């Protein structure tokens, strides 16, 4: 695979008020980092937090028990599902 395409740098631009830029620049300077490095690492950290928070499903203890119970002893299929499965098998075997 061509690594030059894989490692291609992209640009992100944002217009912000001067006071915001001054504050962000000051914070970057306090950490001894460039403005770009500070903004990128802060945005990346926030993005990871958002993705992590949306990837994890949190259930109450009651819901955990119901979920586990449905996996251990699933309910019997309803008549409509049995009928649909039969039609599927018929069509598949034609």
N, C-alpha and C. Protein backbone atom coordinates (compact mmCIF):
# COMPACT_ATOMS: atom_id res chain seq x y z
N UNK A 1 0.84 -1.18 0.00
CA UNK A 1 0.00 0.00 0.00
C UNK A 1 0.88 1.24 0.00
N UNK A 2 0.46 2.26 -0.70
CA UNK A 2 1.22 3.50 -0.79
C UNK A 2 1.09 4.27 0.52
N UNK A 3 2.18 4.34 1.30
CA UNK A 3 2.13 4.99 2.61
C UNK A 3 2.01 6.50 2.50
N UNK A 4 2.36 7.09 1.37
CA UNK A 4 2.24 8.54 1.24
C UNK A 4 0.78 8.97 1.30
N UNK A 5 -0.12 8.15 0.79
CA UNK A 5 -1.55 8.46 0.87
C UNK A 5 -2.05 8.24 2.28
N UNK A 6 -1.59 7.16 2.92
CA UNK A 6 -2.02 6.83 4.27
C UNK A 6 -1.63 7.92 5.27
N UNK A 7 -0.47 8.52 5.11
CA UNK A 7 0.03 9.51 6.06
C UNK A 7 -0.21 10.94 5.60
N UNK A 8 -1.11 11.12 4.66
CA UNK A 8 -1.40 12.46 4.15
C UNK A 8 -1.93 13.35 5.27
N UNK A 9 -1.38 14.53 5.37
CA UNK A 9 -1.82 15.49 6.38
C UNK A 9 -3.03 16.26 5.86
N UNK A 10 -3.97 16.51 6.73
CA UNK A 10 -5.16 17.28 6.40
C UNK A 10 -5.14 18.58 7.20
N UNK A 11 -5.88 19.54 6.74
CA UNK A 11 -5.93 20.85 7.39
C UNK A 11 -7.31 21.07 7.99
N UNK A 12 -7.33 21.63 9.19
CA UNK A 12 -8.57 22.06 9.84
C UNK A 12 -8.41 23.54 10.15
N UNK A 13 -9.40 24.31 9.80
CA UNK A 13 -9.35 25.74 10.09
C UNK A 13 -10.56 26.13 10.92
N UNK A 14 -10.35 27.12 11.77
CA UNK A 14 -11.45 27.63 12.60
C UNK A 14 -11.26 29.12 12.84
N UNK A 15 -12.32 29.84 12.78
CA UNK A 15 -12.27 31.27 13.10
C UNK A 15 -12.83 31.44 14.50
N UNK A 16 -12.04 32.08 15.37
CA UNK A 16 -12.47 32.30 16.75
C UNK A 16 -12.14 33.73 17.15
N UNK A 17 -12.85 34.24 18.14
CA UNK A 17 -12.54 35.60 18.62
C UNK A 17 -11.11 35.67 19.18
N UNK A 18 -10.53 36.85 19.11
CA UNK A 18 -9.16 37.06 19.57
C UNK A 18 -8.95 36.67 21.02
N UNK A 19 -9.95 36.93 21.87
CA UNK A 19 -9.81 36.58 23.29
C UNK A 19 -9.66 35.07 23.47
N UNK A 20 -10.40 34.31 22.68
CA UNK A 20 -10.29 32.85 22.77
C UNK A 20 -8.91 32.39 22.33
N UNK A 21 -8.43 32.95 21.24
CA UNK A 21 -7.10 32.57 20.75
C UNK A 21 -6.03 32.94 21.77
N UNK A 22 -6.17 34.09 22.39
CA UNK A 22 -5.19 34.50 23.40
C UNK A 22 -5.17 33.52 24.57
N UNK A 23 -6.34 33.09 25.00
CA UNK A 23 -6.44 32.16 26.12
C UNK A 23 -5.83 30.81 25.75
N UNK A 24 -6.17 30.32 24.56
CA UNK A 24 -5.64 29.03 24.12
C UNK A 24 -4.13 29.12 23.93
N UNK A 25 -3.66 30.21 23.38
CA UNK A 25 -2.22 30.41 23.20
C UNK A 25 -1.50 30.44 24.54
N UNK A 26 -2.10 31.11 25.52
CA UNK A 26 -1.49 31.18 26.85
C UNK A 26 -1.41 29.79 27.48
N UNK A 27 -2.47 29.01 27.33
CA UNK A 27 -2.48 27.65 27.89
C UNK A 27 -1.41 26.80 27.20
N UNK A 28 -1.30 26.92 25.89
CA UNK A 28 -0.28 26.16 25.15
C UNK A 28 1.11 26.54 25.62
N UNK A 29 1.33 27.84 25.81
CA UNK A 29 2.64 28.32 26.25
C UNK A 29 2.97 27.79 27.65
N UNK A 30 1.97 27.74 28.52
CA UNK A 30 2.18 27.23 29.88
C UNK A 30 2.61 25.77 29.87
N UNK A 31 2.17 25.02 28.87
CA UNK A 31 2.54 23.61 28.75
C UNK A 31 3.76 23.42 27.86
N UNK A 32 4.31 24.52 27.36
CA UNK A 32 5.50 24.44 26.52
C UNK A 32 5.24 23.78 25.18
N UNK A 33 4.05 24.00 24.65
CA UNK A 33 3.66 23.39 23.38
C UNK A 33 3.27 24.47 22.39
N UNK A 34 3.32 24.10 21.12
CA UNK A 34 2.88 25.04 20.10
C UNK A 34 1.36 25.14 20.15
N UNK A 35 0.84 26.21 19.60
CA UNK A 35 -0.61 26.39 19.56
C UNK A 35 -1.26 25.23 18.80
N UNK A 36 -0.68 24.87 17.65
CA UNK A 36 -1.24 23.76 16.86
C UNK A 36 -1.24 22.47 17.65
N UNK A 37 -0.13 22.14 18.28
CA UNK A 37 -0.03 20.90 19.05
C UNK A 37 -1.05 20.89 20.19
N UNK A 38 -1.19 22.00 20.87
CA UNK A 38 -2.14 22.10 21.97
C UNK A 38 -3.57 21.90 21.49
N UNK A 39 -3.93 22.56 20.41
CA UNK A 39 -5.30 22.47 19.88
C UNK A 39 -5.58 21.05 19.39
N UNK A 40 -4.63 20.47 18.66
CA UNK A 40 -4.82 19.12 18.13
C UNK A 40 -4.96 18.10 19.26
N UNK A 41 -4.07 18.15 20.25
CA UNK A 41 -4.14 17.17 21.33
C UNK A 41 -5.40 17.35 22.17
N UNK A 42 -5.82 18.60 22.37
CA UNK A 42 -7.05 18.84 23.13
C UNK A 42 -8.27 18.34 22.38
N UNK A 43 -8.33 18.60 21.07
CA UNK A 43 -9.46 18.14 20.26
C UNK A 43 -9.48 16.62 20.18
N UNK A 44 -8.31 16.01 20.03
CA UNK A 44 -8.23 14.56 19.94
C UNK A 44 -8.67 13.90 21.25
N UNK A 45 -8.27 14.48 22.36
CA UNK A 45 -8.67 13.94 23.67
C UNK A 45 -10.19 14.05 23.84
N UNK A 46 -10.76 15.19 23.47
CA UNK A 46 -12.21 15.37 23.57
C UNK A 46 -12.94 14.41 22.64
N UNK A 47 -12.43 14.20 21.43
CA UNK A 47 -13.05 13.29 20.48
C UNK A 47 -13.04 11.86 21.01
N UNK A 48 -11.92 11.45 21.59
CA UNK A 48 -11.85 10.10 22.17
C UNK A 48 -12.85 9.93 23.29
N UNK A 49 -12.99 10.95 24.14
CA UNK A 49 -13.96 10.88 25.24
C UNK A 49 -15.38 10.72 24.71
N UNK A 50 -15.73 11.48 23.68
CA UNK A 50 -17.07 11.42 23.10
C UNK A 50 -17.33 10.05 22.49
N UNK A 51 -16.37 9.54 21.74
CA UNK A 51 -16.53 8.22 21.11
C UNK A 51 -16.66 7.14 22.18
N UNK A 52 -15.82 7.21 23.19
CA UNK A 52 -15.87 6.22 24.28
C UNK A 52 -17.22 6.28 25.00
N UNK A 53 -17.70 7.49 25.29
CA UNK A 53 -18.96 7.65 26.01
C UNK A 53 -20.14 7.11 25.20
N UNK A 54 -20.04 7.22 23.89
CA UNK A 54 -21.14 6.76 23.04
C UNK A 54 -21.01 5.30 22.65
N UNK A 55 -19.87 4.70 22.91
CA UNK A 55 -19.66 3.30 22.55
C UNK A 55 -20.02 2.36 23.69
N UNK A 56 -20.14 2.89 24.88
CA UNK A 56 -20.41 2.06 26.06
C UNK A 56 -21.89 2.17 26.42
N UNK A 57 -22.53 1.02 26.53
CA UNK A 57 -23.93 0.97 26.92
C UNK A 57 -24.00 0.68 28.42
N UNK A 58 -24.60 1.59 29.16
CA UNK A 58 -24.71 1.39 30.59
C UNK A 58 -26.13 0.95 30.93
N UNK A 59 -26.22 -0.16 31.66
CA UNK A 59 -27.51 -0.70 32.05
C UNK A 59 -27.64 -0.71 33.57
N UNK A 60 -28.86 -0.52 34.04
CA UNK A 60 -29.11 -0.66 35.47
C UNK A 60 -28.94 -2.13 35.85
N UNK A 61 -28.84 -2.41 37.12
CA UNK A 61 -28.70 -3.79 37.57
C UNK A 61 -29.89 -4.62 37.10
N UNK A 62 -31.07 -4.05 37.19
CA UNK A 62 -32.29 -4.75 36.75
C UNK A 62 -32.20 -5.07 35.26
N UNK A 63 -31.79 -4.09 34.46
CA UNK A 63 -31.68 -4.30 33.01
C UNK A 63 -30.59 -5.31 32.67
N UNK A 64 -29.51 -5.31 33.44
CA UNK A 64 -28.45 -6.31 33.23
C UNK A 64 -29.00 -7.71 33.46
N UNK A 65 -29.77 -7.86 34.51
CA UNK A 65 -30.35 -9.17 34.83
C UNK A 65 -31.33 -9.61 33.74
N UNK A 66 -32.17 -8.69 33.27
CA UNK A 66 -33.13 -9.02 32.21
C UNK A 66 -32.40 -9.41 30.92
N UNK A 67 -31.35 -8.68 30.59
CA UNK A 67 -30.58 -8.97 29.38
C UNK A 67 -29.94 -10.35 29.48
N UNK A 68 -29.29 -10.62 30.61
CA UNK A 68 -28.64 -11.92 30.81
C UNK A 68 -29.67 -13.04 30.76
N UNK A 69 -30.82 -12.84 31.40
CA UNK A 69 -31.86 -13.86 31.42
C UNK A 69 -32.38 -14.15 30.01
N UNK A 70 -32.50 -13.11 29.19
CA UNK A 70 -33.00 -13.32 27.83
C UNK A 70 -31.98 -14.07 26.98
N UNK A 71 -30.69 -13.94 27.29
CA UNK A 71 -29.68 -14.71 26.58
C UNK A 71 -29.67 -16.17 27.03
N UNK A 72 -29.87 -16.36 28.34
CA UNK A 72 -29.83 -17.72 28.89
C UNK A 72 -31.07 -18.51 28.47
N UNK A 73 -32.23 -17.89 28.58
CA UNK A 73 -33.48 -18.55 28.19
C UNK A 73 -34.27 -17.62 27.28
N UNK A 74 -33.96 -17.64 26.00
CA UNK A 74 -34.66 -16.74 25.07
C UNK A 74 -36.13 -17.13 24.95
N UNK A 75 -37.00 -16.14 24.73
CA UNK A 75 -38.42 -16.46 24.58
C UNK A 75 -38.66 -17.23 23.28
N UNK A 76 -39.73 -18.00 23.27
CA UNK A 76 -40.08 -18.75 22.05
C UNK A 76 -40.47 -17.76 20.95
N UNK A 77 -40.16 -18.09 19.70
CA UNK A 77 -40.52 -17.18 18.62
C UNK A 77 -42.04 -17.07 18.47
N UNK A 78 -42.49 -15.89 18.12
CA UNK A 78 -43.93 -15.68 17.92
C UNK A 78 -44.35 -16.27 16.58
N UNK A 79 -45.63 -16.45 16.41
CA UNK A 79 -46.18 -17.11 15.22
C UNK A 79 -45.74 -16.40 13.93
N UNK A 80 -45.72 -15.08 13.94
CA UNK A 80 -45.35 -14.34 12.73
C UNK A 80 -43.91 -14.62 12.33
N UNK A 81 -43.03 -14.76 13.30
CA UNK A 81 -41.63 -15.06 13.00
C UNK A 81 -41.48 -16.48 12.45
N UNK A 82 -42.18 -17.41 13.03
CA UNK A 82 -42.14 -18.80 12.55
C UNK A 82 -42.64 -18.86 11.11
N UNK A 83 -43.73 -18.15 10.82
CA UNK A 83 -44.30 -18.13 9.47
C UNK A 83 -43.31 -17.50 8.47
N UNK A 84 -42.67 -16.39 8.88
CA UNK A 84 -41.70 -15.72 8.01
C UNK A 84 -40.49 -16.61 7.76
N UNK A 85 -40.04 -17.32 8.76
CA UNK A 85 -38.91 -18.23 8.59
C UNK A 85 -39.26 -19.36 7.63
N UNK A 86 -40.48 -19.85 7.72
CA UNK A 86 -40.94 -20.90 6.80
C UNK A 86 -40.94 -20.41 5.36
N UNK A 87 -41.44 -19.17 5.14
CA UNK A 87 -41.43 -18.60 3.79
C UNK A 87 -40.01 -18.43 3.27
N UNK A 88 -39.12 -18.00 4.15
CA UNK A 88 -37.73 -17.82 3.75
C UNK A 88 -37.10 -19.14 3.31
N UNK A 89 -37.32 -20.17 4.07
CA UNK A 89 -36.77 -21.49 3.74
C UNK A 89 -37.34 -22.00 2.42
N UNK A 90 -38.65 -21.80 2.22
CA UNK A 90 -39.26 -22.21 0.95
C UNK A 90 -38.62 -21.50 -0.24
N UNK A 91 -38.43 -20.21 -0.13
CA UNK A 91 -37.83 -19.42 -1.23
C UNK A 91 -36.38 -19.82 -1.44
N UNK A 92 -35.70 -20.10 -0.39
CA UNK A 92 -34.28 -20.46 -0.48
C UNK A 92 -34.11 -21.81 -1.18
N UNK A 93 -35.02 -22.73 -0.96
CA UNK A 93 -34.93 -24.08 -1.49
C UNK A 93 -35.48 -24.21 -2.91
N UNK A 94 -35.96 -23.17 -3.50
CA UNK A 94 -36.52 -23.23 -4.86
C UNK A 94 -35.44 -23.45 -5.87
